[in-house]
Amino acid sequence: MSASPTIRPLPVSRTEEDGSAVIRVLSYNIRSLRDDTTALARVITACAPDLVLLQEAPRFFRWRKKLARLAAASGQVLLTGGATASGPALLCSLRATVERTEDVLLPLTPGLHRRGFATAVVRFGGARLGVLSCHLSLQKDERGRQGDLLVDHLVALDAPYAVVGGDLNERPGGPTFKRLATEFQDGWAVAPWGGEYTSTPDRPHQRIDALFATEGVEVLGCGVPLGHPGVSEADLRAATDHLPVLAALRIPAA
């Protein structure tokens, strides 16, 4: 893994005079906090996100306390998810005004891991935004069905704009990834920034994690925060077995 010395600064969060908002969104598979949680918190803090879309959040003993501790150590608050969404979770900064949350358990395929979505509707200034964190199946057919359900649930949030992030367990050429990239804007494809590959931290060679935004959202930059101030390669390797995806988005006023 090699950081780019010429990475351009990612726009900072702010509310515009017209009520629109520039926000930072981070998507991160944290492997149930089984690695270096101090390094993980440093990475999240350095990215200064307004929303954190987690995958593989703790689901068992004292899972709420573990998530709350990570949130506090990262300058965030726990919004929703964890065991109640079978892994996906949402954190947010104090800039967010929370309208509602919903954790969704997806149909269980016998013999496979239960999956779910963590969802919310939040506001930043005059901007209103639906949010969904997902971790799709390792099995191709089930992953496709989950992609269909993702689109349906995002529509059901009934927000004018939305952002989706997660571990898709599929590369951009796969059918579910392509379906989502057709329905939504693929942040890296629209405004590449930082690094592309998210797996693995020691040998990044594939993009299986992504952030998507609905039409009308302006993607100002999106990618792995290699070379971002405060984000070290050592912390990225120690934090978990995926690299995060960070995006700056401009959300119009509703």
C-alpha atoms as a PDB file:
ATOM      1  CA  MET A   1       0.000   0.000   0.000  1.00  0.00           C
ATOM      2  CA  SER A   2       1.440   3.333  -1.037  1.00  0.00           C
ATOM      3  CA  ALA A   3      -0.064   6.719  -0.184  1.00  0.00           C
ATOM      4  CA  SER A   4      -0.286   9.357  -2.885  1.00  0.00           C
ATOM      5  CA  PRO A   5       1.880  12.404  -2.086  1.00  0.00           C
ATOM      6  CA  THR A   6      -0.260  14.588  -4.367  1.00  0.00           C
ATOM      7  CA  ILE A   7      -3.700  13.837  -2.928  1.00  0.00           C
ATOM      8  CA  ARG A   8      -5.862  16.944  -3.094  1.00  0.00           C
ATOM      9  CA  PRO A   9      -7.631  18.169   0.050  1.00  0.00           C
ATOM     10  CA  LEU A  10     -11.140  16.813   0.473  1.00  0.00           C
ATOM     11  CA  PRO A  11     -13.753  19.557   1.073  1.00  0.00           C
ATOM     12  CA  VAL A  12     -14.617  20.173   4.712  1.00  0.00           C
ATOM     13  CA  SER A  13     -18.124  19.884   6.119  1.00  0.00           C
ATOM     14  CA  ARG A  14     -20.203  23.051   6.073  1.00  0.00           C
ATOM     15  CA  THR A  15     -23.711  24.412   5.649  1.00  0.00           C
ATOM     16  CA  GLU A  16     -24.207  26.831   2.769  1.00  0.00           C
ATOM     17  CA  GLU A  17     -26.289  30.000   2.826  1.00  0.00           C
ATOM     18  CA  ASP A  18     -28.892  28.406   0.547  1.00  0.00           C
ATOM     19  CA  GLY A  19     -29.466  25.599   3.066  1.00  0.00           C
ATOM     20  CA  SER A  20     -27.468  22.976   1.162  1.00  0.00           C
ATOM     21  CA  ALA A  21     -24.759  21.092   3.019  1.00  0.00           C
ATOM     22  CA  VAL A  22     -21.340  19.657   2.292  1.00  0.00           C
ATOM     23  CA  ILE A  23     -20.861  16.511   4.352  1.00  0.00           C
ATOM     24  CA  ARG A  24     -18.277  13.763   4.685  1.00  0.00           C
ATOM     25  CA  VAL A  25     -19.432  10.142   4.658  1.00  0.00           C
ATOM     26  CA  LEU A  26     -17.230   7.191   5.635  1.00  0.00           C
ATOM     27  CA  SER A  27     -17.991   3.524   4.922  1.00  0.00           C
ATOM     28  CA  TYR A  28     -15.907   0.982   6.847  1.00  0.00           C
ATOM     29  CA  ASN A  29     -15.954  -2.773   7.492  1.00  0.00           C
ATOM     30  CA  ILE A  30     -14.608  -3.014  11.060  1.00  0.00           C
ATOM     31  CA  ARG A  31     -14.471  -6.832  11.444  1.00  0.00           C
ATOM     32  CA  SER A  32     -16.408  -6.903  14.725  1.00  0.00           C
ATOM     33  CA  LEU A  33     -13.724  -4.782  16.436  1.00  0.00           C
ATOM     34  CA  ARG A  34     -11.371  -7.772  16.518  1.00  0.00           C
ATOM     35  CA  ASP A  35      -8.309  -5.747  15.565  1.00  0.00           C
ATOM     36  CA  ASP A  36      -6.678  -2.540  16.884  1.00  0.00           C
ATOM     37  CA  THR A  37      -9.624  -0.392  17.989  1.00  0.00           C
ATOM     38  CA  THR A  38      -7.336   2.503  18.926  1.00  0.00           C
ATOM     39  CA  ALA A  39      -5.976   2.614  15.369  1.00  0.00           C
ATOM     40  CA  LEU A  40      -9.524   2.287  14.040  1.00  0.00           C
ATOM     41  CA  ALA A  41     -10.688   5.264  16.107  1.00  0.00           C
ATOM     42  CA  ARG A  42      -7.727   7.324  14.898  1.00  0.00           C
ATOM     43  CA  VAL A  43      -8.594   6.616  11.253  1.00  0.00           C
ATOM     44  CA  ILE A  44     -12.255   7.558  11.734  1.00  0.00           C
ATOM     45  CA  THR A  45     -11.354  10.700  13.687  1.00  0.00           C
ATOM     46  CA  ALA A  46      -8.846  11.854  11.065  1.00  0.00           C
ATOM     47  CA  CYS A  47     -11.462  11.487   8.315  1.00  0.00           C
ATOM     48  CA  ALA A  48     -13.774  13.886  10.238  1.00  0.00           C
ATOM     49  CA  PRO A  49     -16.990  12.262   8.949  1.00  0.00           C
ATOM     50  CA  ASP A  50     -20.535  13.469   9.521  1.00  0.00           C
ATOM     51  CA  LEU A  51     -21.865   9.964   8.871  1.00  0.00           C
ATOM     52  CA  VAL A  52     -20.105   6.627   9.399  1.00  0.00           C
ATOM     53  CA  LEU A  53     -21.592   3.569   7.691  1.00  0.00           C
ATOM     54  CA  LEU A  54     -20.179   0.491   9.414  1.00  0.00           C
ATOM     55  CA  GLN A  55     -20.239  -3.156   8.427  1.00  0.00           C
ATOM     56  CA  GLU A  56     -19.443  -6.114  10.693  1.00  0.00           C
ATOM     57  CA  ALA A  57     -20.225  -4.096  13.802  1.00  0.00           C
ATOM     58  CA  PRO A  58     -20.304  -6.128  17.046  1.00  0.00           C
ATOM     59  CA  ARG A  59     -23.407  -8.341  17.318  1.00  0.00           C
ATOM     60  CA  PHE A  60     -22.921 -10.329  20.499  1.00  0.00           C
ATOM     61  CA  PHE A  61     -21.920  -9.784  24.143  1.00  0.00           C
ATOM     62  CA  ARG A  62     -22.140  -6.088  25.142  1.00  0.00           C
ATOM     63  CA  TRP A  63     -22.323  -5.058  21.501  1.00  0.00           C
ATOM     64  CA  ARG A  64     -24.048  -1.736  22.239  1.00  0.00           C
ATOM     65  CA  LYS A  65     -21.358  -0.750  24.731  1.00  0.00           C
ATOM     66  CA  LYS A  66     -18.598  -1.636  22.279  1.00  0.00           C
ATOM     67  CA  LEU A  67     -20.186   0.439  19.510  1.00  0.00           C
ATOM     68  CA  ALA A  68     -20.795   3.348  21.864  1.00  0.00           C
ATOM     69  CA  ARG A  69     -17.150   3.268  22.942  1.00  0.00           C
ATOM     70  CA  LEU A  70     -15.957   3.335  19.337  1.00  0.00           C
ATOM     71  CA  ALA A  71     -18.305   6.229  18.598  1.00  0.00           C
ATOM     72  CA  ALA A  72     -17.083   8.222  21.601  1.00  0.00           C
ATOM     73  CA  ALA A  73     -13.428   7.553  20.768  1.00  0.00           C
ATOM     74  CA  SER A  74     -14.057   8.767  17.198  1.00  0.00           C
ATOM     75  CA  GLY A  75     -16.009  11.944  17.986  1.00  0.00           C
ATOM     76  CA  GLN A  76     -19.293  10.346  16.903  1.00  0.00           C
ATOM     77  CA  VAL A  77     -22.527   9.134  18.453  1.00  0.00           C
ATOM     78  CA  LEU A  78     -24.240   5.807  17.847  1.00  0.00           C
ATOM     79  CA  LEU A  79     -27.206   6.307  15.547  1.00  0.00           C
ATOM     80  CA  THR A  80     -28.564   2.804  14.906  1.00  0.00           C
ATOM     81  CA  GLY A  81     -27.675  -0.740  13.914  1.00  0.00           C
ATOM     82  CA  GLY A  82     -25.354  -3.423  15.206  1.00  0.00           C
ATOM     83  CA  ALA A  83     -26.954  -6.682  16.320  1.00  0.00           C
ATOM     84  CA  THR A  84     -30.412  -5.354  15.426  1.00  0.00           C
ATOM     85  CA  ALA A  85     -29.333  -5.079  11.766  1.00  0.00           C
ATOM     86  CA  SER A  86     -27.122  -8.192  11.877  1.00  0.00           C
ATOM     87  CA  GLY A  87     -23.926  -6.197  11.476  1.00  0.00           C
ATOM     88  CA  PRO A  88     -24.428  -2.894   9.626  1.00  0.00           C
ATOM     89  CA  ALA A  89     -24.519   0.194  11.848  1.00  0.00           C
ATOM     90  CA  LEU A  90     -24.584   3.979  11.569  1.00  0.00           C
ATOM     91  CA  LEU A  91     -22.676   6.607  13.548  1.00  0.00           C
ATOM     92  CA  CYS A  92     -23.106  10.350  13.115  1.00  0.00           C
ATOM     93  CA  SER A  93     -21.577  13.616  14.249  1.00  0.00           C
ATOM     94  CA  LEU A  94     -23.439  16.165  16.318  1.00  0.00           C
ATOM     95  CA  ARG A  95     -24.056  18.150  13.125  1.00  0.00           C
ATOM     96  CA  ALA A  96     -26.764  15.671  12.177  1.00  0.00           C
ATOM     97  CA  THR A  97     -30.392  16.126  13.166  1.00  0.00           C
ATOM     98  CA  VAL A  98     -31.933  12.663  13.259  1.00  0.00           C
ATOM     99  CA  GLU A  99     -35.454  12.322  11.879  1.00  0.00           C
ATOM    100  CA  ARG A 100     -35.866   8.564  12.203  1.00  0.00           C
ATOM    101  CA  THR A 101     -34.023   5.233  12.122  1.00  0.00           C
ATOM    102  CA  GLU A 102     -34.908   1.683  11.135  1.00  0.00           C
ATOM    103  CA  ASP A 103     -32.971  -1.580  11.297  1.00  0.00           C
ATOM    104  CA  VAL A 104     -33.955  -4.155   8.694  1.00  0.00           C
ATOM    105  CA  LEU A 105     -33.336  -7.911   8.825  1.00  0.00           C
ATOM    106  CA  LEU A 106     -33.257  -9.528   5.388  1.00  0.00           C
ATOM    107  CA  PRO A 107     -34.715 -12.941   4.515  1.00  0.00           C
ATOM    108  CA  LEU A 108     -32.543 -15.759   5.826  1.00  0.00           C
ATOM    109  CA  THR A 109     -31.189 -18.323   3.390  1.00  0.00           C
ATOM    110  CA  PRO A 110     -30.686 -21.617   5.269  1.00  0.00           C
ATOM    111  CA  GLY A 111     -27.026 -22.266   5.898  1.00  0.00           C
ATOM    112  CA  LEU A 112     -25.955 -18.675   5.200  1.00  0.00           C
ATOM    113  CA  HIS A 113     -25.279 -15.727   7.483  1.00  0.00           C
ATOM    114  CA  ARG A 114     -28.218 -13.451   8.317  1.00  0.00           C
ATOM    115  CA  ARG A 115     -27.877 -10.027   6.694  1.00  0.00           C
ATOM    116  CA  GLY A 116     -29.533  -6.674   7.262  1.00  0.00           C
ATOM    117  CA  PHE A 117     -29.561  -2.939   6.621  1.00  0.00           C
ATOM    118  CA  ALA A 118     -29.078  -0.060   9.040  1.00  0.00           C
ATOM    119  CA  THR A 119     -31.083   2.925   7.785  1.00  0.00           C
ATOM    120  CA  ALA A 120     -31.887   6.465   8.853  1.00  0.00           C
ATOM    121  CA  VAL A 121     -33.166   9.806   7.628  1.00  0.00           C
ATOM    122  CA  VAL A 122     -31.099  12.770   8.821  1.00  0.00           C
ATOM    123  CA  ARG A 123     -30.832  16.487   8.176  1.00  0.00           C
ATOM    124  CA  PHE A 124     -27.861  18.828   7.863  1.00  0.00           C
ATOM    125  CA  GLY A 125     -29.074  22.414   7.722  1.00  0.00           C
ATOM    126  CA  GLY A 126     -31.746  22.464   5.032  1.00  0.00           C
ATOM    127  CA  ALA A 127     -30.524  19.217   3.441  1.00  0.00           C
ATOM    128  CA  ARG A 128     -32.509  16.026   4.123  1.00  0.00           C
ATOM    129  CA  LEU A 129     -30.853  12.690   3.430  1.00  0.00           C
ATOM    130  CA  GLY A 130     -31.639   8.977   3.582  1.00  0.00           C
ATOM    131  CA  VAL A 131     -28.748   6.741   4.695  1.00  0.00           C
ATOM    132  CA  LEU A 132     -28.266   2.978   4.328  1.00  0.00           C
ATOM    133  CA  SER A 133     -25.368   0.762   5.405  1.00  0.00           C
ATOM    134  CA  CYS A 134     -25.181  -2.747   3.966  1.00  0.00           C
ATOM    135  CA  HIS A 135     -23.023  -5.867   3.918  1.00  0.00           C
ATOM    136  CA  LEU A 136     -24.141  -8.084   1.071  1.00  0.00           C
ATOM    137  CA  SER A 137     -23.930 -11.857   0.838  1.00  0.00           C
ATOM    138  CA  LEU A 138     -20.950 -13.892  -0.278  1.00  0.00           C
ATOM    139  CA  GLN A 139     -23.356 -15.977  -2.371  1.00  0.00           C
ATOM    140  CA  LYS A 140     -24.099 -14.522  -5.827  1.00  0.00           C
ATOM    141  CA  ASP A 141     -27.836 -15.250  -6.098  1.00  0.00           C
ATOM    142  CA  GLU A 142     -28.606 -14.100  -2.554  1.00  0.00           C
ATOM    143  CA  ARG A 143     -26.481 -11.004  -3.110  1.00  0.00           C
ATOM    144  CA  GLY A 144     -28.564 -10.144  -6.157  1.00  0.00           C
ATOM    145  CA  ARG A 145     -31.812 -10.454  -4.214  1.00  0.00           C
ATOM    146  CA  GLN A 146     -30.365  -8.271  -1.471  1.00  0.00           C
ATOM    147  CA  GLY A 147     -29.421  -5.644  -4.054  1.00  0.00           C
ATOM    148  CA  ASP A 148     -33.057  -5.532  -5.179  1.00  0.00           C
ATOM    149  CA  LEU A 149     -34.231  -5.152  -1.577  1.00  0.00           C
ATOM    150  CA  LEU A 150     -31.673  -2.396  -1.011  1.00  0.00           C
ATOM    151  CA  VAL A 151     -33.155  -0.327  -3.828  1.00  0.00           C
ATOM    152  CA  ASP A 152     -36.677  -0.911  -2.490  1.00  0.00           C
ATOM    153  CA  HIS A 153     -35.788   0.056   1.081  1.00  0.00           C
ATOM    154  CA  LEU A 154     -33.999   3.194  -0.055  1.00  0.00           C
ATOM    155  CA  VAL A 155     -37.105   4.297  -1.949  1.00  0.00           C
ATOM    156  CA  ALA A 156     -39.204   3.531   1.136  1.00  0.00           C
ATOM    157  CA  LEU A 157     -37.146   5.992   3.195  1.00  0.00           C
ATOM    158  CA  ASP A 158     -38.948   8.705   1.219  1.00  0.00           C
ATOM    159  CA  ALA A 159     -36.068  11.189   1.373  1.00  0.00           C
ATOM    160  CA  PRO A 160     -35.234  13.540  -1.511  1.00  0.00           C
ATOM    161  CA  TYR A 161     -31.600  12.389  -1.559  1.00  0.00           C
ATOM    162  CA  ALA A 162     -29.780   9.354  -0.228  1.00  0.00           C
ATOM    163  CA  VAL A 163     -26.378   7.764   0.286  1.00  0.00           C
ATOM    164  CA  VAL A 164     -25.621   4.033   0.394  1.00  0.00           C
ATOM    165  CA  GLY A 165     -22.386   2.504   1.590  1.00  0.00           C
ATOM    166  CA  GLY A 166     -21.114  -0.923   2.325  1.00  0.00           C
ATOM    167  CA  ASP A 167     -19.143  -4.056   1.734  1.00  0.00           C
ATOM    168  CA  LEU A 168     -20.667  -5.495  -1.447  1.00  0.00           C
ATOM    169  CA  ASN A 169     -18.546  -8.655  -1.522  1.00  0.00           C
ATOM    170  CA  GLU A 170     -18.363  -8.064  -5.274  1.00  0.00           C
ATOM    171  CA  ARG A 171     -16.161  -6.167  -7.703  1.00  0.00           C
ATOM    172  CA  PRO A 172     -17.469  -3.442 -10.047  1.00  0.00           C
ATOM    173  CA  GLY A 173     -17.884  -5.928 -12.900  1.00  0.00           C
ATOM    174  CA  GLY A 174     -20.316  -8.076 -10.926  1.00  0.00           C
ATOM    175  CA  PRO A 175     -24.079  -7.918 -11.607  1.00  0.00           C
ATOM    176  CA  THR A 176     -25.146  -6.535  -8.232  1.00  0.00           C
ATOM    177  CA  PHE A 177     -22.417  -3.872  -8.185  1.00  0.00           C
ATOM    178  CA  LYS A 178     -23.381  -2.892 -11.742  1.00  0.00           C
ATOM    179  CA  ARG A 179     -27.063  -2.762 -10.765  1.00  0.00           C
ATOM    180  CA  LEU A 180     -26.332  -0.342  -7.916  1.00  0.00           C
ATOM    181  CA  ALA A 181     -24.031   1.732 -10.116  1.00  0.00           C
ATOM    182  CA  THR A 182     -26.884   2.007 -12.629  1.00  0.00           C
ATOM    183  CA  GLU A 183     -29.452   3.030 -10.015  1.00  0.00           C
ATOM    184  CA  PHE A 184     -27.111   5.417  -8.190  1.00  0.00           C
ATOM    185  CA  GLN A 185     -23.890   7.369  -8.649  1.00  0.00           C
ATOM    186  CA  ASP A 186     -20.813   5.283  -7.854  1.00  0.00           C
ATOM    187  CA  GLY A 187     -18.710   7.776  -5.884  1.00  0.00           C
ATOM    188  CA  TRP A 188     -15.312   6.519  -7.042  1.00  0.00           C
ATOM    189  CA  ALA A 189     -16.384   6.388 -10.697  1.00  0.00           C
ATOM    190  CA  VAL A 190     -17.833   9.920 -10.570  1.00  0.00           C
ATOM    191  CA  ALA A 191     -15.117  11.735  -8.615  1.00  0.00           C
ATOM    192  CA  PRO A 192     -12.102   9.505  -7.845  1.00  0.00           C
ATOM    193  CA  TRP A 193      -9.965  10.682  -4.947  1.00  0.00           C
ATOM    194  CA  GLY A 194      -7.317   8.936  -2.857  1.00  0.00           C
ATOM    195  CA  GLY A 195      -7.040   5.213  -3.493  1.00  0.00           C
ATOM    196  CA  GLU A 196      -9.350   2.825  -5.320  1.00  0.00           C
ATOM    197  CA  TYR A 197      -8.879  -0.642  -3.840  1.00  0.00           C
ATOM    198  CA  THR A 198     -10.364  -1.536  -0.454  1.00  0.00           C
ATOM    199  CA  SER A 199      -9.204  -5.122   0.088  1.00  0.00           C
ATOM    200  CA  THR A 200      -6.872  -6.023   1.652  1.00  0.00           C
ATOM    201  CA  PRO A 201      -4.971  -3.373   3.673  1.00  0.00           C
ATOM    202  CA  ASP A 202      -1.661  -5.223   3.234  1.00  0.00           C
ATOM    203  CA  ARG A 203      -2.196  -5.833  -0.495  1.00  0.00           C
ATOM    204  CA  PRO A 204      -4.973  -3.673  -1.949  1.00  0.00           C
ATOM    205  CA  HIS A 205      -6.023  -5.312  -5.207  1.00  0.00           C
ATOM    206  CA  GLN A 206      -9.825  -5.161  -5.443  1.00  0.00           C
ATOM    207  CA  ARG A 207     -12.677  -2.700  -4.876  1.00  0.00           C
ATOM    208  CA  ILE A 208     -15.435  -4.518  -3.015  1.00  0.00           C
ATOM    209  CA  ASP A 209     -16.501  -1.614  -0.766  1.00  0.00           C
ATOM    210  CA  ALA A 210     -18.234   1.458  -2.176  1.00  0.00           C
ATOM    211  CA  LEU A 211     -20.279   4.574  -1.540  1.00  0.00           C
ATOM    212  CA  PHE A 212     -23.217   5.463  -3.790  1.00  0.00           C
ATOM    213  CA  ALA A 213     -25.377   8.583  -3.939  1.00  0.00           C
ATOM    214  CA  THR A 214     -28.692   9.317  -5.612  1.00  0.00           C
ATOM    215  CA  GLU A 215     -29.062  11.784  -8.465  1.00  0.00           C
ATOM    216  CA  GLY A 216     -28.924  15.402  -7.388  1.00  0.00           C
ATOM    217  CA  VAL A 217     -26.167  14.792  -4.860  1.00  0.00           C
ATOM    218  CA  GLU A 218     -22.856  16.260  -6.034  1.00  0.00           C
ATOM    219  CA  VAL A 219     -19.936  13.928  -5.388  1.00  0.00           C
ATOM    220  CA  LEU A 220     -16.920  16.141  -4.641  1.00  0.00           C
ATOM    221  CA  GLY A 221     -14.469  13.302  -4.083  1.00  0.00           C
ATOM    222  CA  CYS A 222     -14.592   9.635  -3.095  1.00  0.00           C
ATOM    223  CA  GLY A 223     -12.034   6.937  -2.366  1.00  0.00           C
ATOM    224  CA  VAL A 224      -9.743   5.322   0.154  1.00  0.00           C
ATOM    225  CA  PRO A 225      -8.171   8.092   2.285  1.00  0.00           C
ATOM    226  CA  LEU A 226      -4.551   7.211   1.462  1.00  0.00           C
ATOM    227  CA  GLY A 227      -2.407  10.259   2.133  1.00  0.00           C
ATOM    228  CA  HIS A 228      -5.243  12.053   3.948  1.00  0.00           C
ATOM    229  CA  PRO A 229      -3.908  14.123   6.878  1.00  0.00           C
ATOM    230  CA  GLY A 230      -3.799  12.066  10.064  1.00  0.00           C
ATOM    231  CA  VAL A 231      -4.444   8.731   8.332  1.00  0.00           C
ATOM    232  CA  SER A 232      -1.319   6.573   8.518  1.00  0.00           C
ATOM    233  CA  GLU A 233      -0.638   3.385   6.597  1.00  0.00           C
ATOM    234  CA  ALA A 234       0.214   1.680   9.890  1.00  0.00           C
ATOM    235  CA  ASP A 235      -3.212   2.505  11.331  1.00  0.00           C
ATOM    236  CA  LEU A 236      -4.992   1.398   8.162  1.00  0.00           C
ATOM    237  CA  ARG A 237      -3.234  -1.979   8.339  1.00  0.00           C
ATOM    238  CA  ALA A 238      -3.885  -2.415  12.066  1.00  0.00           C
ATOM    239  CA  ALA A 239      -7.487  -1.226  12.251  1.00  0.00           C
ATOM    240  CA  THR A 240      -9.318  -4.002  10.363  1.00  0.00           C
ATOM    241  CA  ASP A 241      -9.131  -6.207   7.254  1.00  0.00           C
ATOM    242  CA  HIS A 242     -10.702  -3.648   4.870  1.00  0.00           C
ATOM    243  CA  LEU A 243      -9.758  -0.129   3.857  1.00  0.00           C
ATOM    244  CA  PRO A 244     -12.385   2.589   4.351  1.00  0.00           C
ATOM    245  CA  VAL A 245     -14.099   4.649   1.680  1.00  0.00           C
ATOM    246  CA  LEU A 246     -14.466   8.382   2.349  1.00  0.00           C
ATOM    247  CA  ALA A 247     -16.579  10.791   0.301  1.00  0.00           C
ATOM    248  CA  ALA A 248     -17.377  14.484   0.373  1.00  0.00           C
ATOM    249  CA  LEU A 249     -20.901  15.184  -0.896  1.00  0.00           C
ATOM    250  CA  ARG A 250     -22.901  18.333  -1.505  1.00  0.00           C
ATOM    251  CA  ILE A 251     -26.544  17.743  -0.586  1.00  0.00           C
ATOM    252  CA  PRO A 252     -29.079  20.263  -1.928  1.00  0.00           C
ATOM    253  CA  ALA A 253     -31.585  21.837   0.412  1.00  0.00           C
ATOM    254  CA  ALA A 254     -34.838  19.895   0.431  1.00  0.00           C
END
